Amino acid sequence: MTNSQGTTLAFLFAAFVLFFFSLTLLPPAEMYCRFRRPATILGVMQVVLLLLRIKFPAVHAERSLLIATYCFVIIGIVFNIILLTVAHGRCA
């Protein structure tokens, strides 16, 4: 495995873990108010991960790993935005 693939796998692993943390934060409606802060922290971590992946492009990485990293980060960010939007409407 080349160094670039190792870096891409590390980014993919981080994106995958943060994605599933975001997915577990989508609770029943009565719990939205409790998860605003963790959703914000996860969203910031995912944005930082996305910016790092963009800043340090993979030269020899496998394209499928790179695409998977971007997909998991973007979907995780979307889940957090949904949670924060719904929580804002319910918790005011």
PDB file of N, CA and C in Angstrom:
ATOM      1  N   MET A   1       0.860  -1.178   0.000  1.00  0.00           N
ATOM      2  CA  MET A   1       0.000   0.000   0.000  1.00  0.00           C
ATOM      3  C   MET A   1       0.902   1.236   0.000  1.00  0.00           C
ATOM      4  N   THR A   2       0.644   2.141  -0.891  1.00  0.00           N
ATOM      5  CA  THR A   2       1.438   3.361  -0.947  1.00  0.00           C
ATOM      6  C   THR A   2       1.011   4.318   0.150  1.00  0.00           C
ATOM      7  N   ASN A   3       1.841   5.309   0.394  1.00  0.00           N
ATOM      8  CA  ASN A   3       1.562   6.276   1.438  1.00  0.00           C
ATOM      9  C   ASN A   3       0.281   7.041   1.156  1.00  0.00           C
ATOM     10  N   SER A   4       0.017   7.365  -0.095  1.00  0.00           N
ATOM     11  CA  SER A   4      -1.178   8.106  -0.467  1.00  0.00           C
ATOM     12  C   SER A   4      -2.445   7.296  -0.179  1.00  0.00           C
ATOM     13  N   GLN A   5      -2.392   5.985  -0.434  1.00  0.00           N
ATOM     14  CA  GLN A   5      -3.554   5.149  -0.133  1.00  0.00           C
ATOM     15  C   GLN A   5      -3.776   5.036   1.363  1.00  0.00           C
ATOM     16  N   GLY A   6      -2.710   4.990   2.133  1.00  0.00           N
ATOM     17  CA  GLY A   6      -2.837   4.947   3.585  1.00  0.00           C
ATOM     18  C   GLY A   6      -3.492   6.210   4.119  1.00  0.00           C
ATOM     19  N   THR A   7      -3.084   7.342   3.578  1.00  0.00           N
ATOM     20  CA  THR A   7      -3.692   8.609   3.986  1.00  0.00           C
ATOM     21  C   THR A   7      -5.163   8.638   3.605  1.00  0.00           C
ATOM     22  N   THR A   8      -5.480   8.181   2.415  1.00  0.00           N
ATOM     23  CA  THR A   8      -6.870   8.155   1.971  1.00  0.00           C
ATOM     24  C   THR A   8      -7.701   7.223   2.839  1.00  0.00           C
ATOM     25  N   LEU A   9      -7.149   6.069   3.195  1.00  0.00           N
ATOM     26  CA  LEU A   9      -7.868   5.156   4.087  1.00  0.00           C
ATOM     27  C   LEU A   9      -8.083   5.772   5.464  1.00  0.00           C
ATOM     28  N   ALA A  10      -7.115   6.535   5.955  1.00  0.00           N
ATOM     29  CA  ALA A  10      -7.280   7.203   7.247  1.00  0.00           C
ATOM     30  C   ALA A  10      -8.402   8.234   7.182  1.00  0.00           C
ATOM     31  N   PHE A  11      -8.432   9.018   6.108  1.00  0.00           N
ATOM     32  CA  PHE A  11      -9.508   9.995   5.940  1.00  0.00           C
ATOM     33  C   PHE A  11     -10.860   9.294   5.794  1.00  0.00           C
ATOM     34  N   LEU A  12     -10.893   8.185   5.050  1.00  0.00           N
ATOM     35  CA  LEU A  12     -12.134   7.439   4.881  1.00  0.00           C
ATOM     36  C   LEU A  12     -12.619   6.885   6.211  1.00  0.00           C
ATOM     37  N   PHE A  13     -11.716   6.356   7.012  1.00  0.00           N
ATOM     38  CA  PHE A  13     -12.092   5.830   8.318  1.00  0.00           C
ATOM     39  C   PHE A  13     -12.671   6.933   9.199  1.00  0.00           C
ATOM     40  N   ALA A  14     -12.011   8.090   9.235  1.00  0.00           N
ATOM     41  CA  ALA A  14     -12.507   9.210  10.039  1.00  0.00           C
ATOM     42  C   ALA A  14     -13.881   9.667   9.542  1.00  0.00           C
ATOM     43  N   ALA A  15     -14.060   9.763   8.235  1.00  0.00           N
ATOM     44  CA  ALA A  15     -15.346  10.168   7.669  1.00  0.00           C
ATOM     45  C   ALA A  15     -16.425   9.156   8.002  1.00  0.00           C
ATOM     46  N   PHE A  16     -16.094   7.877   7.935  1.00  0.00           N
ATOM     47  CA  PHE A  16     -17.036   6.804   8.221  1.00  0.00           C
ATOM     48  C   PHE A  16     -17.483   6.836   9.679  1.00  0.00           C
ATOM     49  N   VAL A  17     -16.549   6.998  10.600  1.00  0.00           N
ATOM     50  CA  VAL A  17     -16.873   7.054  12.029  1.00  0.00           C
ATOM     51  C   VAL A  17     -17.721   8.280  12.337  1.00  0.00           C
ATOM     52  N   LEU A  18     -17.324   9.443  11.831  1.00  0.00           N
ATOM     53  CA  LEU A  18     -18.102  10.657  12.087  1.00  0.00           C
ATOM     54  C   LEU A  18     -19.493  10.565  11.465  1.00  0.00           C
ATOM     55  N   PHE A  19     -19.594   9.927  10.309  1.00  0.00           N
ATOM     56  CA  PHE A  19     -20.897   9.735   9.671  1.00  0.00           C
ATOM     57  C   PHE A  19     -21.822   8.919  10.569  1.00  0.00           C
ATOM     58  N   PHE A  20     -21.335   7.825  11.117  1.00  0.00           N
ATOM     59  CA  PHE A  20     -22.196   7.006  11.964  1.00  0.00           C
ATOM     60  C   PHE A  20     -22.510   7.673  13.298  1.00  0.00           C
ATOM     61  N   PHE A  21     -21.599   8.489  13.824  1.00  0.00           N
ATOM     62  CA  PHE A  21     -21.949   9.281  14.999  1.00  0.00           C
ATOM     63  C   PHE A  21     -23.081  10.249  14.661  1.00  0.00           C
ATOM     64  N   SER A  22     -23.016  10.870  13.494  1.00  0.00           N
ATOM     65  CA  SER A  22     -24.078  11.785  13.064  1.00  0.00           C
ATOM     66  C   SER A  22     -25.391  11.041  12.886  1.00  0.00           C
ATOM     67  N   LEU A  23     -25.321   9.854  12.328  1.00  0.00           N
ATOM     68  CA  LEU A  23     -26.519   9.048  12.105  1.00  0.00           C
ATOM     69  C   LEU A  23     -27.175   8.663  13.423  1.00  0.00           C
ATOM     70  N   THR A  24     -26.389   8.370  14.433  1.00  0.00           N
ATOM     71  CA  THR A  24     -26.970   7.995  15.727  1.00  0.00           C
ATOM     72  C   THR A  24     -27.572   9.189  16.452  1.00  0.00           C
ATOM     73  N   LEU A  25     -27.249  10.387  16.034  1.00  0.00           N
ATOM     74  CA  LEU A  25     -27.823  11.573  16.683  1.00  0.00           C
ATOM     75  C   LEU A  25     -29.228  11.889  16.182  1.00  0.00           C
ATOM     76  N   LEU A  26     -29.687  11.221  15.134  1.00  0.00           N
ATOM     77  CA  LEU A  26     -31.040  11.473  14.655  1.00  0.00           C
ATOM     78  C   LEU A  26     -32.016  10.693  15.539  1.00  0.00           C
ATOM     79  N   PRO A  27     -32.465  11.325  16.606  1.00  0.00           N
ATOM     80  CA  PRO A  27     -33.274  10.645  17.620  1.00  0.00           C
ATOM     81  C   PRO A  27     -34.763  10.837  17.383  1.00  0.00           C
ATOM     82  N   PRO A  28     -35.553  10.281  18.285  1.00  0.00           N
ATOM     83  CA  PRO A  28     -36.979  10.614  18.278  1.00  0.00           C
ATOM     84  C   PRO A  28     -37.158  12.120  18.520  1.00  0.00           C
ATOM     85  N   ALA A  29     -38.264  12.646  18.132  1.00  0.00           N
ATOM     86  CA  ALA A  29     -38.490  14.099  18.161  1.00  0.00           C
ATOM     87  C   ALA A  29     -38.322  14.716  19.550  1.00  0.00           C
ATOM     88  N   GLU A  30     -38.657  14.013  20.607  1.00  0.00           N
ATOM     89  CA  GLU A  30     -38.584  14.613  21.939  1.00  0.00           C
ATOM     90  C   GLU A  30     -37.150  14.787  22.437  1.00  0.00           C
ATOM     91  N   MET A  31     -36.184  14.219  21.739  1.00  0.00           N
ATOM     92  CA  MET A  31     -34.797  14.308  22.194  1.00  0.00           C
ATOM     93  C   MET A  31     -33.955  15.292  21.386  1.00  0.00           C
ATOM     94  N   TYR A  32     -34.542  15.990  20.442  1.00  0.00           N
ATOM     95  CA  TYR A  32     -33.766  16.882  19.583  1.00  0.00           C
ATOM     96  C   TYR A  32     -32.999  17.941  20.362  1.00  0.00           C
ATOM     97  N   CYS A  33     -33.612  18.485  21.388  1.00  0.00           N
ATOM     98  CA  CYS A  33     -32.985  19.584  22.122  1.00  0.00           C
ATOM     99  C   CYS A  33     -31.700  19.148  22.823  1.00  0.00           C
ATOM    100  N   ARG A  34     -31.609  17.899  23.211  1.00  0.00           N
ATOM    101  CA  ARG A  34     -30.435  17.403  23.924  1.00  0.00           C
ATOM    102  C   ARG A  34     -29.231  17.230  23.005  1.00  0.00           C
ATOM    103  N   PHE A  35     -29.451  17.073  21.718  1.00  0.00           N
ATOM    104  CA  PHE A  35     -28.359  16.727  20.814  1.00  0.00           C
ATOM    105  C   PHE A  35     -27.872  17.883  19.950  1.00  0.00           C
ATOM    106  N   ARG A  36     -28.252  19.095  20.288  1.00  0.00           N
ATOM    107  CA  ARG A  36     -27.795  20.220  19.470  1.00  0.00           C
ATOM    108  C   ARG A  36     -26.288  20.429  19.572  1.00  0.00           C
ATOM    109  N   ARG A  37     -25.754  20.389  20.778  1.00  0.00           N
ATOM    110  CA  ARG A  37     -24.321  20.631  20.950  1.00  0.00           C
ATOM    111  C   ARG A  37     -23.472  19.524  20.310  1.00  0.00           C
ATOM    112  N   PRO A  38     -23.768  18.223  20.563  1.00  0.00           N
ATOM    113  CA  PRO A  38     -22.978  17.192  19.873  1.00  0.00           C
ATOM    114  C   PRO A  38     -23.084  17.277  18.351  1.00  0.00           C
ATOM    115  N   ALA A  39     -24.256  17.629  17.837  1.00  0.00           N
ATOM    116  CA  ALA A  39     -24.418  17.751  16.386  1.00  0.00           C
ATOM    117  C   ALA A  39     -23.565  18.901  15.844  1.00  0.00           C
ATOM    118  N   THR A  40     -23.483  19.973  16.595  1.00  0.00           N
ATOM    119  CA  THR A  40     -22.654  21.100  16.176  1.00  0.00           C
ATOM    120  C   THR A  40     -21.180  20.714  16.174  1.00  0.00           C
ATOM    121  N   ILE A  41     -20.746  20.022  17.220  1.00  0.00           N
ATOM    122  CA  ILE A  41     -19.345  19.603  17.312  1.00  0.00           C
ATOM    123  C   ILE A  41     -19.001  18.626  16.183  1.00  0.00           C
ATOM    124  N   LEU A  42     -19.877  17.643  15.945  1.00  0.00           N
ATOM    125  CA  LEU A  42     -19.644  16.696  14.856  1.00  0.00           C
ATOM    126  C   LEU A  42     -19.634  17.389  13.494  1.00  0.00           C
ATOM    127  N   GLY A  43     -20.532  18.345  13.315  1.00  0.00           N
ATOM    128  CA  GLY A  43     -20.570  19.082  12.056  1.00  0.00           C
ATOM    129  C   GLY A  43     -19.285  19.850  11.812  1.00  0.00           C
ATOM    130  N   VAL A  44     -18.770  20.484  12.852  1.00  0.00           N
ATOM    131  CA  VAL A  44     -17.506  21.219  12.726  1.00  0.00           C
ATOM    132  C   VAL A  44     -16.363  20.250  12.408  1.00  0.00           C
ATOM    133  N   MET A  45     -16.338  19.093  13.084  1.00  0.00           N
ATOM    134  CA  MET A  45     -15.292  18.104  12.815  1.00  0.00           C
ATOM    135  C   MET A  45     -15.365  17.593  11.380  1.00  0.00           C
ATOM    136  N   GLN A  46     -16.575  17.414  10.874  1.00  0.00           N
ATOM    137  CA  GLN A  46     -16.728  16.928   9.506  1.00  0.00           C
ATOM    138  C   GLN A  46     -16.326  17.985   8.483  1.00  0.00           C
ATOM    139  N   VAL A  47     -16.637  19.226   8.763  1.00  0.00           N
ATOM    140  CA  VAL A  47     -16.223  20.302   7.855  1.00  0.00           C
ATOM    141  C   VAL A  47     -14.697  20.412   7.843  1.00  0.00           C
ATOM    142  N   VAL A  48     -14.074  20.302   9.019  1.00  0.00           N
ATOM    143  CA  VAL A  48     -12.608  20.338   9.092  1.00  0.00           C
ATOM    144  C   VAL A  48     -12.013  19.165   8.311  1.00  0.00           C
ATOM    145  N   LEU A  49     -12.599  17.978   8.471  1.00  0.00           N
ATOM    146  CA  LEU A  49     -12.126  16.809   7.730  1.00  0.00           C
ATOM    147  C   LEU A  49     -12.257  17.024   6.222  1.00  0.00           C
ATOM    148  N   LEU A  50     -13.365  17.598   5.797  1.00  0.00           N
ATOM    149  CA  LEU A  50     -13.564  17.874   4.376  1.00  0.00           C
ATOM    150  C   LEU A  50     -12.545  18.887   3.867  1.00  0.00           C
ATOM    151  N   LEU A  51     -12.297  19.925   4.633  1.00  0.00           N
ATOM    152  CA  LEU A  51     -11.313  20.930   4.227  1.00  0.00           C
ATOM    153  C   LEU A  51      -9.905  20.348   4.180  1.00  0.00           C
ATOM    154  N   LEU A  52      -9.567  19.482   5.137  1.00  0.00           N
ATOM    155  CA  LEU A  52      -8.255  18.832   5.111  1.00  0.00           C
ATOM    156  C   LEU A  52      -8.107  17.926   3.896  1.00  0.00           C
ATOM    157  N   ARG A  53      -9.175  17.204   3.570  1.00  0.00           N
ATOM    158  CA  ARG A  53      -9.119  16.306   2.409  1.00  0.00           C
ATOM    159  C   ARG A  53      -8.953  17.114   1.124  1.00  0.00           C
ATOM    160  N   ILE A  54      -9.582  18.280   1.061  1.00  0.00           N
ATOM    161  CA  ILE A  54      -9.447  19.137  -0.115  1.00  0.00           C
ATOM    162  C   ILE A  54      -8.053  19.771  -0.163  1.00  0.00           C
ATOM    163  N   LYS A  55      -7.534  20.175   1.001  1.00  0.00           N
ATOM    164  CA  LYS A  55      -6.231  20.833   1.049  1.00  0.00           C
ATOM    165  C   LYS A  55      -5.095  19.871   0.720  1.00  0.00           C
ATOM    166  N   PHE A  56      -5.206  18.619   1.153  1.00  0.00           N
ATOM    167  CA  PHE A  56      -4.167  17.623   0.898  1.00  0.00           C
ATOM    168  C   PHE A  56      -4.714  16.573  -0.061  1.00  0.00           C
ATOM    169  N   PRO A  57      -4.725  16.885  -1.338  1.00  0.00           N
ATOM    170  CA  PRO A  57      -5.281  15.942  -2.307  1.00  0.00           C
ATOM    171  C   PRO A  57      -4.432  14.678  -2.402  1.00  0.00           C
ATOM    172  N   ALA A  58      -5.076  13.587  -2.662  1.00  0.00           N
ATOM    173  CA  ALA A  58      -4.385  12.311  -2.805  1.00  0.00           C
ATOM    174  C   ALA A  58      -3.905  12.160  -4.244  1.00  0.00           C
ATOM    175  N   VAL A  59      -2.618  11.990  -4.408  1.00  0.00           N
ATOM    176  CA  VAL A  59      -2.046  11.908  -5.748  1.00  0.00           C
ATOM    177  C   VAL A  59      -2.233  10.515  -6.341  1.00  0.00           C
ATOM    178  N   HIS A  60      -1.896   9.486  -5.588  1.00  0.00           N
ATOM    179  CA  HIS A  60      -1.960   8.126  -6.109  1.00  0.00           C
ATOM    180  C   HIS A  60      -3.032   7.288  -5.421  1.00  0.00           C
ATOM    181  N   ALA A  61      -3.952   7.907  -4.759  1.00  0.00           N
ATOM    182  CA  ALA A  61      -4.982   7.158  -4.041  1.00  0.00           C
ATOM    183  C   ALA A  61      -5.983   6.552  -5.008  1.00  0.00           C
ATOM    184  N   GLU A  62      -6.605   5.512  -4.543  1.00  0.00           N
ATOM    185  CA  GLU A  62      -7.641   4.890  -5.344  1.00  0.00           C
ATOM    186  C   GLU A  62      -8.851   5.816  -5.406  1.00  0.00           C
ATOM    187  N   ARG A  63      -9.384   5.979  -6.578  1.00  0.00           N
ATOM    188  CA  ARG A  63     -10.485   6.914  -6.794  1.00  0.00           C
ATOM    189  C   ARG A  63     -11.726   6.536  -5.983  1.00  0.00           C
ATOM    190  N   SER A  64     -12.019   5.258  -5.855  1.00  0.00           N
ATOM    191  CA  SER A  64     -13.209   4.832  -5.116  1.00  0.00           C
ATOM    192  C   SER A  64     -13.102   5.186  -3.642  1.00  0.00           C
ATOM    193  N   LEU A  65     -11.901   5.094  -3.064  1.00  0.00           N
ATOM    194  CA  LEU A  65     -11.719   5.476  -1.665  1.00  0.00           C
ATOM    195  C   LEU A  65     -11.913   6.975  -1.486  1.00  0.00           C
ATOM    196  N   LEU A  66     -11.429   7.722  -2.434  1.00  0.00           N
ATOM    197  CA  LEU A  66     -11.571   9.176  -2.372  1.00  0.00           C
ATOM    198  C   LEU A  66     -13.042   9.586  -2.478  1.00  0.00           C
ATOM    199  N   ILE A  67     -13.765   8.977  -3.389  1.00  0.00           N
ATOM    200  CA  ILE A  67     -15.189   9.280  -3.553  1.00  0.00           C
ATOM    201  C   ILE A  67     -15.969   8.881  -2.313  1.00  0.00           C
ATOM    202  N   ALA A  68     -15.660   7.725  -1.730  1.00  0.00           N
ATOM    203  CA  ALA A  68     -16.341   7.279  -0.514  1.00  0.00           C
ATOM    204  C   ALA A  68     -16.099   8.243   0.631  1.00  0.00           C
ATOM    205  N   THR A  69     -14.885   8.758   0.743  1.00  0.00           N
ATOM    206  CA  THR A  69     -14.580   9.730   1.800  1.00  0.00           C
ATOM    207  C   THR A  69     -15.442  10.974   1.648  1.00  0.00           C
ATOM    208  N   TYR A  70     -15.490  11.508   0.432  1.00  0.00           N
ATOM    209  CA  TYR A  70     -16.315  12.698   0.206  1.00  0.00           C
ATOM    210  C   TYR A  70     -17.794  12.412   0.470  1.00  0.00           C
ATOM    211  N   CYS A  71     -18.279  11.267   0.059  1.00  0.00           N
ATOM    212  CA  CYS A  71     -19.697  10.930   0.265  1.00  0.00           C
ATOM    213  C   CYS A  71     -20.044  10.860   1.743  1.00  0.00           C
ATOM    214  N   PHE A  72     -19.237  10.139   2.528  1.00  0.00           N
ATOM    215  CA  PHE A  72     -19.546  10.001   3.950  1.00  0.00           C
ATOM    216  C   PHE A  72     -19.456  11.330   4.685  1.00  0.00           C
ATOM    217  N   VAL A  73     -18.495  12.158   4.331  1.00  0.00           N
ATOM    218  CA  VAL A  73     -18.379  13.460   4.990  1.00  0.00           C
ATOM    219  C   VAL A  73     -19.580  14.335   4.645  1.00  0.00           C
ATOM    220  N   ILE A  74     -19.930  14.396   3.386  1.00  0.00           N
ATOM    221  CA  ILE A  74     -21.036  15.265   2.966  1.00  0.00           C
ATOM    222  C   ILE A  74     -22.365  14.786   3.532  1.00  0.00           C
ATOM    223  N   ILE A  75     -22.617  13.479   3.511  1.00  0.00           N
ATOM    224  CA  ILE A  75     -23.876  12.965   4.062  1.00  0.00           C
ATOM    225  C   ILE A  75     -23.929  13.183   5.567  1.00  0.00           C
ATOM    226  N   GLY A  76     -22.799  13.023   6.266  1.00  0.00           N
ATOM    227  CA  GLY A  76     -22.762  13.303   7.704  1.00  0.00           C
ATOM    228  C   GLY A  76     -23.067  14.760   8.011  1.00  0.00           C
ATOM    229  N   ILE A  77     -22.521  15.665   7.207  1.00  0.00           N
ATOM    230  CA  ILE A  77     -22.805  17.086   7.393  1.00  0.00           C
ATOM    231  C   ILE A  77     -24.284  17.364   7.155  1.00  0.00           C
ATOM    232  N   VAL A  78     -24.860  16.731   6.152  1.00  0.00           N
ATOM    233  CA  VAL A  78     -26.292  16.914   5.870  1.00  0.00           C
ATOM    234  C   VAL A  78     -27.143  16.421   7.042  1.00  0.00           C
ATOM    235  N   PHE A  79     -26.806  15.262   7.613  1.00  0.00           N
ATOM    236  CA  PHE A  79     -27.548  14.761   8.774  1.00  0.00           C
ATOM    237  C   PHE A  79     -27.495  15.752   9.933  1.00  0.00           C
ATOM    238  N   ASN A  80     -26.325  16.334  10.175  1.00  0.00           N
ATOM    239  CA  ASN A  80     -26.206  17.303  11.264  1.00  0.00           C
ATOM    240  C   ASN A  80     -27.002  18.569  10.975  1.00  0.00           C
ATOM    241  N   ILE A  81     -27.015  19.009   9.744  1.00  0.00           N
ATOM    242  CA  ILE A  81     -27.795  20.193   9.385  1.00  0.00           C
ATOM    243  C   ILE A  81     -29.283  19.920   9.581  1.00  0.00           C
ATOM    244  N   ILE A  82     -29.728  18.735   9.191  1.00  0.00           N
ATOM    245  CA  ILE A  82     -31.142  18.365   9.402  1.00  0.00           C
ATOM    246  C   ILE A  82     -31.477  18.380  10.882  1.00  0.00           C
ATOM    247  N   LEU A  83     -30.614  17.768  11.695  1.00  0.00           N
ATOM    248  CA  LEU A  83     -30.859  17.734  13.134  1.00  0.00           C
ATOM    249  C   LEU A  83     -30.922  19.135  13.716  1.00  0.00           C
ATOM    250  N   LEU A  84     -29.978  19.975  13.354  1.00  0.00           N
ATOM    251  CA  LEU A  84     -29.949  21.332  13.900  1.00  0.00           C
ATOM    252  C   LEU A  84     -31.133  22.166  13.415  1.00  0.00           C
ATOM    253  N   THR A  85     -31.571  21.952  12.195  1.00  0.00           N
ATOM    254  CA  THR A  85     -32.721  22.680  11.668  1.00  0.00           C
ATOM    255  C   THR A  85     -34.001  22.275  12.400  1.00  0.00           C
ATOM    256  N   VAL A  86     -34.197  20.989  12.572  1.00  0.00           N
ATOM    257  CA  VAL A  86     -35.395  20.504  13.258  1.00  0.00           C
ATOM    258  C   VAL A  86     -35.352  20.917  14.732  1.00  0.00           C
ATOM    259  N   ALA A  87     -34.168  20.833  15.361  1.00  0.00           N
ATOM    260  CA  ALA A  87     -34.045  21.213  16.762  1.00  0.00           C
ATOM    261  C   ALA A  87     -34.323  22.698  16.963  1.00  0.00           C
ATOM    262  N   HIS A  88     -33.887  23.523  16.008  1.00  0.00           N
ATOM    263  CA  HIS A  88     -34.136  24.960  16.122  1.00  0.00           C
ATOM    264  C   HIS A  88     -35.632  25.244  16.103  1.00  0.00           C
ATOM    265  N   GLY A  89     -36.367  24.531  15.272  1.00  0.00           N
ATOM    266  CA  GLY A  89     -37.802  24.729  15.192  1.00  0.00           C
ATOM    267  C   GLY A  89     -38.546  24.217  16.415  1.00  0.00           C
ATOM    268  N   ARG A  90     -38.054  23.176  17.050  1.00  0.00           N
ATOM    269  CA  ARG A  90     -38.754  22.569  18.198  1.00  0.00           C
ATOM    270  C   ARG A  90     -38.319  23.124  19.534  1.00  0.00           C
ATOM    271  N   CYS A  91     -37.072  23.563  19.640  1.00  0.00           N
ATOM    272  CA  CYS A  91     -36.533  23.952  20.946  1.00  0.00           C
ATOM    273  C   CYS A  91     -36.510  25.460  21.165  1.00  0.00           C
ATOM    274  N   ALA A  92     -36.528  26.199  20.119  1.00  0.00           N
ATOM    275  CA  ALA A  92     -36.503  27.658  20.143  1.00  0.00           C
ATOM    276  C   ALA A  92     -35.765  28.183  21.274  1.00  0.00           C
TER     277      ALA A  92
END
